[in-house]
Amino acid sequence: MEDQNIHRVHIEDKEIILIGTAHVSKKSAEQVKQVIEEEQPDSVCIELDKQRYKSIREGQKWKDMDIFKVVKENKALLLLVNLVMSSFQKRMAKQFGINPGQEMIQGIQSAEDIDANLVLADRDINITFTRVWRGINFWGKIKLFFELFFSIFSDEEITEEELEKLKTEDMLTSMLSELGDSFPKLKNALIDERDKYLSHKIKTAPGKKIVAVLGAGHVPGIKEEILKDQNLGDLTKVPPKSKVGKIIGWMIPIIILSIIGYTFYTNRNTGIDQTISWVLWNGSLSSLGALIALGHPLSILTAFVVSPISSLNPALAAGWFSGIVEAFIRKPKVEDFQNLSDDVFTIKGFWRNKVTRILLVVALTNLGSVLGTAIGGADVIRLFIKNIIG
C-alpha cells in the first residue's frame, strides 16, 4: 500500500517508513493503523514529547494547574499562546469529528497491539517554545500572538478535500516558505530544528524496520536531514537571553532617571512635569490593558501603581503584579479549568473564563506598560530638550 503520504528511506541495514499525516484527518489515523499492521515494525516513532504524550494518556489535568506559579514564573503569555494554538487545532478537529492528534493516539495503540517499541521522537515542547520565543523580537511576538489569537475566532471552514491537499509536499513547501518570510526564526525553531531532532530519534530507534508517524510538514525536511549527522546537544540547548536586550533594558531606565534627575537640578518645575508624564503614560496605558482584559478594579489599580516603577526595572513586569492580584481576588474554580478547552473557542468565553482572563490581564497589562514606557520616555526626552533649548 503506497501513496503520496508514505515515504521509504533506507539507511544501512534499516528501513524507515515515514507516514505524513494531517493532525485532524480521519484518513490519517486510519492510514497509520493500516501501515503499522501491514509492516509490523520493530519500533514506532511518534511526533510527541513526554509532556504531550502524558497529556494524551492522562488527559489535560487543567485543575492541577497552579495559576500563581504560571504568573510568577513569567509563563502567562507562553501558556496563552499554547492555549490559542491548541484551541485552533481542536476547532479544526471538531469540524471533522476527530480528536486532535488522533493519528498519534492510533500510533501509540498500534505499537502496543504489535508489541513494538514506542519512541517519543519529538523535542521537549518547552525547549521548542523557549527557542521560538527568544528568537522573535517584541513586536514580532505581539504580531504572532494576535494573528494566532484572532485565527481561533474565524468562522471559515475548510473541506475534507482541502485538508487532504495540505498533505502534499508542494503545498506544504509553499506554506512553509510563506511562514519563513514572515517569521524566519519561528520557522527555524518550530520546523527546521525539529526536523533534525526527529531525524536523529527516528534513525536511532531500535530495530531494523521503523515506522514514524509525523505531521506532513516535517516529511520533506526529515527525508533530507535523516541522511546527515545531528548534534542533539545544540538542538536541546536553551539559548540565553540576548545580552544586547539586557543592556538596552537597563540603559533605558538609567537614561530616563538621569534625564529627570538632571532636569530637576536645572529646572524643578520641568522635572515635576517629566515625572508626572512618566507616571501617567505608564500607569494609564498599563491599567488600560488590565481594563480591556476585564480585570478586577484592584488589578487595574495595581497596574497603574506598579507600571511606572516596574518600567524602571527590567527584572520586574507590571503584569505579574496585576495578574497575581487578579488570581487572588478571582481565584479560578474547578469548572474554569474544566471548561478551559471549550471557552477558548469564543471571545466571550476567553474573557469569561477566570483562567484565561488572568492570562489576558498579565499579557495586556505588560503590553500597555511597554507602550507607556515608549510614549512616556519620549515625552520625558521632549521636555528635557525643551528645557535645554529654552
Protein backbone atom coordinates (compact mmCIF):
# COMPACT_ATOMS: atom_id res chain seq x y z
CA MET A 1 0.00 0.00 0.00
CA GLU A 2 1.87 3.05 -1.25
CA ASP A 3 0.60 6.60 -1.78
CA GLN A 4 1.95 10.15 -1.63
CA ASN A 5 1.82 10.17 2.20
CA ILE A 6 4.10 7.12 2.62
CA HIS A 7 7.85 7.58 2.21
CA ARG A 8 10.53 4.90 2.48
CA VAL A 9 14.13 5.66 3.37
CA HIS A 10 16.95 3.09 3.67
CA ILE A 11 19.94 3.79 5.91
CA GLU A 12 22.50 0.99 6.04
CA ASP A 13 20.51 -2.06 7.20
CA LYS A 14 17.47 -0.09 8.38
CA GLU A 15 14.22 0.54 6.54
CA ILE A 16 12.42 3.66 7.70
CA ILE A 17 8.81 4.30 6.72
CA LEU A 18 7.60 7.87 7.16
CA ILE A 19 3.84 8.46 7.32
CA GLY A 20 2.94 12.09 6.59
CA THR A 21 -0.28 12.95 8.42
CA ALA A 22 -2.67 15.84 8.95
CA HIS A 23 -3.30 16.20 12.68
CA VAL A 24 -7.09 16.44 12.27
CA SER A 25 -7.72 13.95 9.48
CA LYS A 26 -9.68 10.71 9.92
CA LYS A 27 -7.89 9.25 6.92
CA SER A 28 -4.50 9.85 8.57
CA ALA A 29 -5.46 7.86 11.68
CA GLU A 30 -6.83 5.03 9.56
CA GLN A 31 -3.69 5.02 7.43
CA VAL A 32 -1.42 4.86 10.49
CA LYS A 33 -3.26 1.79 11.74
CA GLN A 34 -3.11 0.07 8.36
CA VAL A 35 0.59 0.73 7.75
CA ILE A 36 1.70 -0.47 11.19
CA GLU A 37 -0.41 -3.62 10.95
CA GLU A 38 0.95 -4.44 7.49
CA GLU A 39 4.59 -3.53 8.10
CA GLN A 40 4.95 -4.99 11.62
CA PRO A 41 7.86 -2.65 12.51
CA ASP A 42 10.30 -3.14 15.36
CA SER A 43 9.72 0.45 16.52
CA VAL A 44 7.04 3.08 16.06
CA CYS A 45 8.16 6.69 16.39
CA ILE A 46 5.56 9.36 17.06
CA GLU A 47 5.83 13.13 16.88
CA LEU A 48 5.33 13.67 20.61
CA ASP A 49 7.50 14.54 23.58
CA LYS A 50 6.99 13.20 27.11
CA GLN A 51 4.77 16.08 28.17
CA ARG A 52 2.34 15.80 25.23
CA TYR A 53 2.38 12.00 25.46
CA LYS A 54 1.40 12.24 29.12
CA SER A 55 -1.43 14.67 28.34
CA ILE A 56 -2.77 12.27 25.68
CA ARG A 57 -2.62 9.29 28.04
CA GLU A 58 -3.94 11.06 31.11
CA GLY A 59 -5.89 13.95 29.61
CA GLN A 60 -5.30 17.66 30.22
CA LYS A 61 -5.36 17.98 34.01
CA TRP A 62 -6.17 21.68 33.99
CA LYS A 63 -7.50 21.54 37.56
CA ASP A 64 -3.98 20.71 38.73
CA MET A 65 -2.54 23.88 37.22
CA ASP A 66 -1.05 26.35 39.70
CA ILE A 67 -2.05 29.66 38.12
CA PHE A 68 0.00 31.64 40.68
CA LYS A 69 3.11 29.69 39.68
CA VAL A 70 2.42 30.32 35.98
CA VAL A 71 2.29 34.08 36.58
CA LYS A 72 5.30 34.18 38.93
CA GLU A 73 7.47 32.20 36.51
CA ASN A 74 6.60 34.61 33.69
CA LYS A 75 4.91 31.87 31.65
CA ALA A 76 1.50 33.51 31.29
CA LEU A 77 1.95 34.70 27.70
CA LEU A 78 3.55 31.39 26.73
CA LEU A 79 0.61 29.46 28.16
CA LEU A 80 -1.84 31.83 26.48
CA VAL A 81 -0.23 31.24 23.07
CA ASN A 82 -0.22 27.49 23.73
CA LEU A 83 -3.95 27.59 24.55
CA VAL A 84 -4.67 29.58 21.40
CA MET A 85 -2.78 27.12 19.22
CA SER A 86 -4.40 24.12 20.89
CA SER A 87 -7.88 25.57 20.56
CA PHE A 88 -7.35 26.25 16.86
CA GLN A 89 -6.40 22.63 16.28
CA LYS A 90 -9.31 21.46 18.41
CA ARG A 91 -11.74 23.60 16.41
CA MET A 92 -10.47 22.01 13.20
CA ALA A 93 -10.73 18.58 14.76
CA LYS A 94 -14.27 19.25 15.96
CA GLN A 95 -15.29 20.18 12.42
CA PHE A 96 -14.20 16.78 11.14
CA GLY A 97 -15.37 14.77 14.14
CA ILE A 98 -11.96 13.55 15.27
CA ASN A 99 -9.87 14.15 18.38
CA PRO A 100 -6.76 16.36 17.93
CA GLY A 101 -3.73 14.15 17.39
CA GLN A 102 -5.85 11.06 16.74
CA GLU A 103 -3.18 9.73 14.39
CA MET A 104 -0.64 9.90 17.25
CA ILE A 105 -3.07 8.12 19.58
CA GLN A 106 -3.52 5.48 16.89
CA GLY A 107 0.25 5.15 16.55
CA ILE A 108 0.56 4.52 20.30
CA GLN A 109 -2.26 1.97 20.26
CA SER A 110 -0.98 0.15 17.20
CA ALA A 111 2.55 -0.04 18.63
CA GLU A 112 1.13 -1.64 21.77
CA ASP A 113 -1.01 -4.03 19.70
CA ILE A 114 2.00 -5.47 17.85
CA ASP A 115 4.35 -5.17 20.86
CA ALA A 116 6.67 -2.73 19.05
CA ASN A 117 8.99 -0.26 20.76
CA LEU A 118 7.33 3.13 21.17
CA VAL A 119 9.71 6.05 20.64
CA LEU A 120 8.75 9.59 21.65
CA ALA A 121 10.68 11.31 18.89
CA ASP A 122 9.91 15.00 19.30
CA ARG A 123 11.83 17.63 21.22
CA ASP A 124 10.52 18.83 24.58
CA ILE A 125 7.80 21.37 23.84
CA ASN A 126 9.09 23.79 26.49
CA ILE A 127 12.50 23.89 24.81
CA THR A 128 10.87 24.47 21.43
CA PHE A 129 8.66 27.29 22.73
CA THR A 130 11.56 28.92 24.55
CA ARG A 131 13.77 28.81 21.45
CA VAL A 132 10.90 30.20 19.37
CA TRP A 133 10.10 32.95 21.86
CA ARG A 134 13.69 34.12 22.28
CA GLY A 135 14.18 34.12 18.53
CA ILE A 136 11.50 36.76 17.94
CA ASN A 137 11.67 40.43 18.90
CA PHE A 138 8.96 42.08 20.96
CA TRP A 139 6.85 43.36 18.09
CA GLY A 140 7.19 40.02 16.34
CA LYS A 141 5.78 38.35 19.46
CA ILE A 142 2.86 40.76 19.52
CA LYS A 143 2.16 40.20 15.81
CA LEU A 144 2.38 36.43 16.16
CA PHE A 145 0.16 36.38 19.23
CA PHE A 146 -2.61 38.47 17.67
CA GLU A 147 -2.51 36.52 14.40
CA LEU A 148 -2.94 33.30 16.35
CA PHE A 149 -5.46 34.83 18.74
CA PHE A 150 -7.85 36.12 16.08
CA SER A 151 -7.50 32.95 14.00
CA ILE A 152 -9.38 30.90 16.61
CA PHE A 153 -12.49 33.06 16.23
CA SER A 154 -12.65 32.65 12.47
CA ASP A 155 -15.83 31.01 11.18
CA GLU A 156 -14.16 29.89 7.96
CA GLU A 157 -14.32 26.15 7.38
CA ILE A 158 -12.30 24.02 5.03
CA THR A 159 -13.42 20.92 3.22
CA GLU A 160 -12.00 17.42 3.71
CA GLU A 161 -10.51 17.67 0.22
CA GLU A 162 -8.72 20.91 1.12
CA LEU A 163 -7.43 19.28 4.30
CA GLU A 164 -6.02 16.37 2.32
CA LYS A 165 -4.30 18.83 -0.02
CA LEU A 166 -2.34 20.10 2.98
CA LYS A 167 -0.58 16.74 2.99
CA THR A 168 1.09 17.21 -0.40
CA GLU A 169 4.71 18.28 -0.38
CA ASP A 170 4.31 21.11 -2.86
CA MET A 171 1.53 22.73 -0.85
CA LEU A 172 3.46 22.38 2.41
CA THR A 173 6.68 23.67 0.90
CA SER A 174 4.79 26.74 -0.31
CA MET A 175 3.15 27.27 3.10
CA LEU A 176 6.42 26.95 4.99
CA SER A 177 8.13 29.33 2.60
CA GLU A 178 5.48 31.96 3.34
CA LEU A 179 5.88 31.31 7.07
CA GLY A 180 9.62 31.71 6.72
CA ASP A 181 9.18 35.09 5.02
CA SER A 182 7.09 36.44 7.92
CA PHE A 183 8.83 34.71 10.83
CA PRO A 184 12.14 33.18 9.65
CA LYS A 185 13.35 32.46 13.18
CA LEU A 186 9.99 30.98 14.11
CA LYS A 187 10.16 28.54 11.21
CA ASN A 188 13.73 27.61 12.13
CA ALA A 189 12.88 26.65 15.72
CA LEU A 190 9.41 25.28 15.06
CA ILE A 191 10.11 23.29 11.89
CA ASP A 192 13.76 23.05 10.80
CA GLU A 193 15.32 22.27 14.19
CA ARG A 194 12.64 19.71 14.99
CA ASP A 195 13.22 18.07 11.60
CA LYS A 196 16.81 17.48 12.71
CA TYR A 197 15.80 16.27 16.16
CA LEU A 198 13.11 13.95 14.81
CA SER A 199 15.52 12.59 12.18
CA HIS A 200 18.06 11.60 14.82
CA LYS A 201 15.48 9.93 17.07
CA ILE A 202 13.93 8.03 14.15
CA LYS A 203 17.14 6.66 12.67
CA THR A 204 18.48 5.64 16.09
CA ALA A 205 15.25 3.86 17.10
CA PRO A 206 15.70 0.16 17.99
CA GLY A 207 15.29 -2.45 15.26
CA LYS A 208 15.73 -2.70 11.52
CA LYS A 209 12.25 -1.61 10.46
CA ILE A 210 10.96 1.71 11.78
CA VAL A 211 7.61 3.39 11.20
CA ALA A 212 7.44 7.12 12.01
CA VAL A 213 4.12 8.94 12.41
CA LEU A 214 4.70 12.60 11.59
CA GLY A 215 2.90 15.79 10.65
CA ALA A 216 3.23 16.01 6.89
CA GLY A 217 5.04 19.33 7.18
CA HIS A 218 8.07 17.56 8.64
CA VAL A 219 8.43 14.87 6.00
CA PRO A 220 10.39 16.85 3.33
CA GLY A 221 12.87 18.13 5.93
CA ILE A 222 13.28 14.76 7.61
CA LYS A 223 13.95 13.00 4.28
CA GLU A 224 16.84 15.41 3.83
CA GLU A 225 18.13 15.57 7.40
CA ILE A 226 17.92 11.85 8.16
CA LEU A 227 20.93 11.25 5.90
CA LYS A 228 23.03 13.74 7.89
CA ASP A 229 24.52 13.77 11.40
CA GLN A 230 22.77 15.87 14.05
CA ASN A 231 24.01 17.30 17.34
CA LEU A 232 21.22 16.90 19.90
CA GLY A 233 23.15 19.00 22.41
CA ASP A 234 22.86 22.06 20.19
CA LEU A 235 19.21 21.33 19.40
CA THR A 236 18.17 21.00 23.06
CA LYS A 237 20.14 23.91 24.43
CA VAL A 238 18.01 26.72 25.86
CA PRO A 239 19.50 29.92 24.44
CA PRO A 240 20.38 32.60 26.97
CA LYS A 241 18.57 35.89 26.82
CA SER A 242 20.19 38.37 24.47
CA LYS A 243 22.93 40.42 26.12
CA VAL A 244 22.03 43.31 23.85
CA GLY A 245 18.45 43.12 25.10
CA LYS A 246 19.64 43.12 28.70
CA ILE A 247 21.90 46.12 28.09
CA ILE A 248 19.13 48.06 26.36
CA GLY A 249 16.69 47.02 29.08
CA TRP A 250 18.87 48.60 31.76
CA MET A 251 20.03 51.57 29.68
CA ILE A 252 16.50 52.87 29.14
CA PRO A 253 15.68 53.34 32.88
CA ILE A 254 19.17 54.70 33.56
CA ILE A 255 18.76 57.27 30.78
CA ILE A 256 15.23 58.19 31.89
CA LEU A 257 16.23 58.59 35.54
CA SER A 258 19.35 60.54 34.60
CA ILE A 259 17.38 62.92 32.38
CA ILE A 260 14.73 63.51 35.04
CA GLY A 261 17.37 63.93 37.73
CA TYR A 262 19.34 66.46 35.69
CA THR A 263 16.16 68.33 34.79
CA PHE A 264 15.18 68.55 38.46
CA TYR A 265 18.64 70.02 39.13
CA THR A 266 18.26 72.67 36.41
CA ASN A 267 14.52 73.29 36.43
CA ARG A 268 12.42 71.81 39.22
CA ASN A 269 9.06 72.53 37.59
CA THR A 270 10.02 70.78 34.35
CA GLY A 271 11.35 67.86 36.37
CA ILE A 272 7.97 67.57 38.07
CA ASP A 273 6.26 67.68 34.66
CA GLN A 274 8.53 64.88 33.43
CA THR A 275 7.76 62.75 36.46
CA ILE A 276 4.02 63.28 36.09
CA SER A 277 4.20 62.46 32.37
CA TRP A 278 6.14 59.25 33.06
CA VAL A 279 3.69 58.13 35.76
CA LEU A 280 0.56 58.99 33.79
CA TRP A 281 1.61 57.42 30.48
CA ASN A 282 2.90 54.24 32.14
CA GLY A 283 0.11 53.92 34.65
CA SER A 284 -2.72 54.84 32.28
CA LEU A 285 -1.75 52.54 29.39
CA SER A 286 -0.89 49.66 31.70
CA SER A 287 -4.17 49.96 33.57
CA LEU A 288 -5.98 50.32 30.24
CA GLY A 289 -4.58 46.92 29.25
CA ALA A 290 -5.90 45.42 32.50
CA LEU A 291 -9.24 47.12 31.88
CA ILE A 292 -9.50 45.71 28.35
CA ALA A 293 -8.87 42.29 29.87
CA LEU A 294 -11.82 42.99 32.19
CA GLY A 295 -9.61 42.76 35.23
CA HIS A 296 -10.88 43.43 38.74
CA PRO A 297 -10.73 47.14 39.78
CA LEU A 298 -7.91 46.30 42.21
CA SER A 299 -5.98 44.60 39.39
CA ILE A 300 -6.43 47.72 37.27
CA LEU A 301 -5.31 49.93 40.16
CA THR A 302 -2.30 47.68 40.75
CA ALA A 303 -1.32 48.02 37.10
CA PHE A 304 -1.49 51.82 37.37
CA VAL A 305 0.58 51.98 40.56
CA VAL A 306 3.21 49.37 39.67
CA SER A 307 3.88 50.12 35.99
CA PRO A 308 5.79 53.43 36.43
CA ILE A 309 8.10 51.63 38.87
CA SER A 310 8.42 48.26 37.12
CA SER A 311 9.23 50.04 33.84
CA LEU A 312 12.41 51.27 35.53
CA ASN A 313 13.47 47.74 36.46
CA PRO A 314 13.79 45.16 33.61
CA ALA A 315 13.61 42.36 36.17
CA LEU A 316 10.01 43.31 37.01
CA ALA A 317 6.82 43.38 34.97
CA ALA A 318 3.59 45.16 35.85
CA GLY A 319 1.57 42.24 34.51
CA TRP A 320 3.00 39.91 37.15
CA PHE A 321 1.57 42.05 39.94
CA SER A 322 -1.81 42.75 38.34
CA GLY A 323 -2.09 39.07 37.36
CA ILE A 324 -1.35 37.87 40.89
CA VAL A 325 -3.91 40.32 42.31
CA GLU A 326 -6.46 39.11 39.74
CA ALA A 327 -5.75 35.46 40.60
CA PHE A 328 -6.00 36.16 44.32
CA ILE A 329 -9.29 38.07 44.13
CA ARG A 330 -10.90 35.97 41.39
CA LYS A 331 -9.32 32.61 42.04
CA PRO A 332 -10.34 30.15 39.29
CA LYS A 333 -12.70 27.38 40.27
CA VAL A 334 -12.52 23.76 39.16
CA GLU A 335 -15.15 24.38 36.47
CA ASP A 336 -12.99 27.16 34.97
CA PHE A 337 -10.20 24.67 34.35
CA GLN A 338 -12.65 22.02 33.15
CA ASN A 339 -14.25 24.45 30.68
CA LEU A 340 -10.94 25.91 29.55
CA SER A 341 -10.60 23.99 26.29
CA ASP A 342 -14.16 24.93 25.23
CA ASP A 343 -14.15 28.55 26.43
CA VAL A 344 -11.16 29.47 24.28
CA PHE A 345 -13.30 28.94 21.17
CA THR A 346 -15.10 32.27 21.60
CA ILE A 347 -14.18 35.81 22.53
CA LYS A 348 -16.88 35.78 25.23
CA GLY A 349 -15.56 32.53 26.67
CA PHE A 350 -11.98 33.80 26.59
CA TRP A 351 -12.89 36.81 28.73
CA ARG A 352 -15.41 34.94 30.90
CA ASN A 353 -13.14 32.08 31.99
CA LYS A 354 -11.16 33.16 35.04
CA VAL A 355 -8.03 31.29 33.92
CA THR A 356 -7.72 32.94 30.52
CA ARG A 357 -8.79 36.29 31.96
CA ILE A 358 -5.84 36.16 34.38
CA LEU A 359 -3.54 35.40 31.45
CA LEU A 360 -5.06 38.27 29.48
CA VAL A 361 -4.62 40.64 32.43
CA VAL A 362 -0.92 39.72 32.57
CA ALA A 363 -0.35 39.99 28.81
CA LEU A 364 -2.33 43.18 28.17
CA THR A 365 -1.00 44.93 31.29
CA ASN A 366 2.54 44.23 30.11
CA LEU A 367 1.72 45.40 26.60
CA GLY A 368 0.29 48.64 27.98
CA SER A 369 3.35 49.07 30.17
CA VAL A 370 5.68 48.72 27.19
CA LEU A 371 3.69 51.28 25.21
CA GLY A 372 3.62 53.57 28.25
CA THR A 373 7.39 53.31 28.58
CA ALA A 374 7.88 54.21 24.91
CA ILE A 375 5.47 57.16 24.90
CA GLY A 376 6.29 58.34 28.42
CA GLY A 377 10.02 58.09 27.73
CA ALA A 378 9.62 60.08 24.51
CA ASP A 379 7.74 62.80 26.38
CA VAL A 380 10.40 62.93 29.10
CA ILE A 381 13.02 63.47 26.39
CA ARG A 382 10.81 66.10 24.69
CA LEU A 383 10.51 68.08 27.90
CA PHE A 384 14.26 67.72 28.51
CA ILE A 385 15.11 69.11 25.06
CA LYS A 386 12.56 71.92 25.51
CA ASN A 387 14.16 72.80 28.84
CA ILE A 388 17.67 72.82 27.32
CA ILE A 389 16.65 74.95 24.34
CA GLY A 390 14.52 77.25 26.46
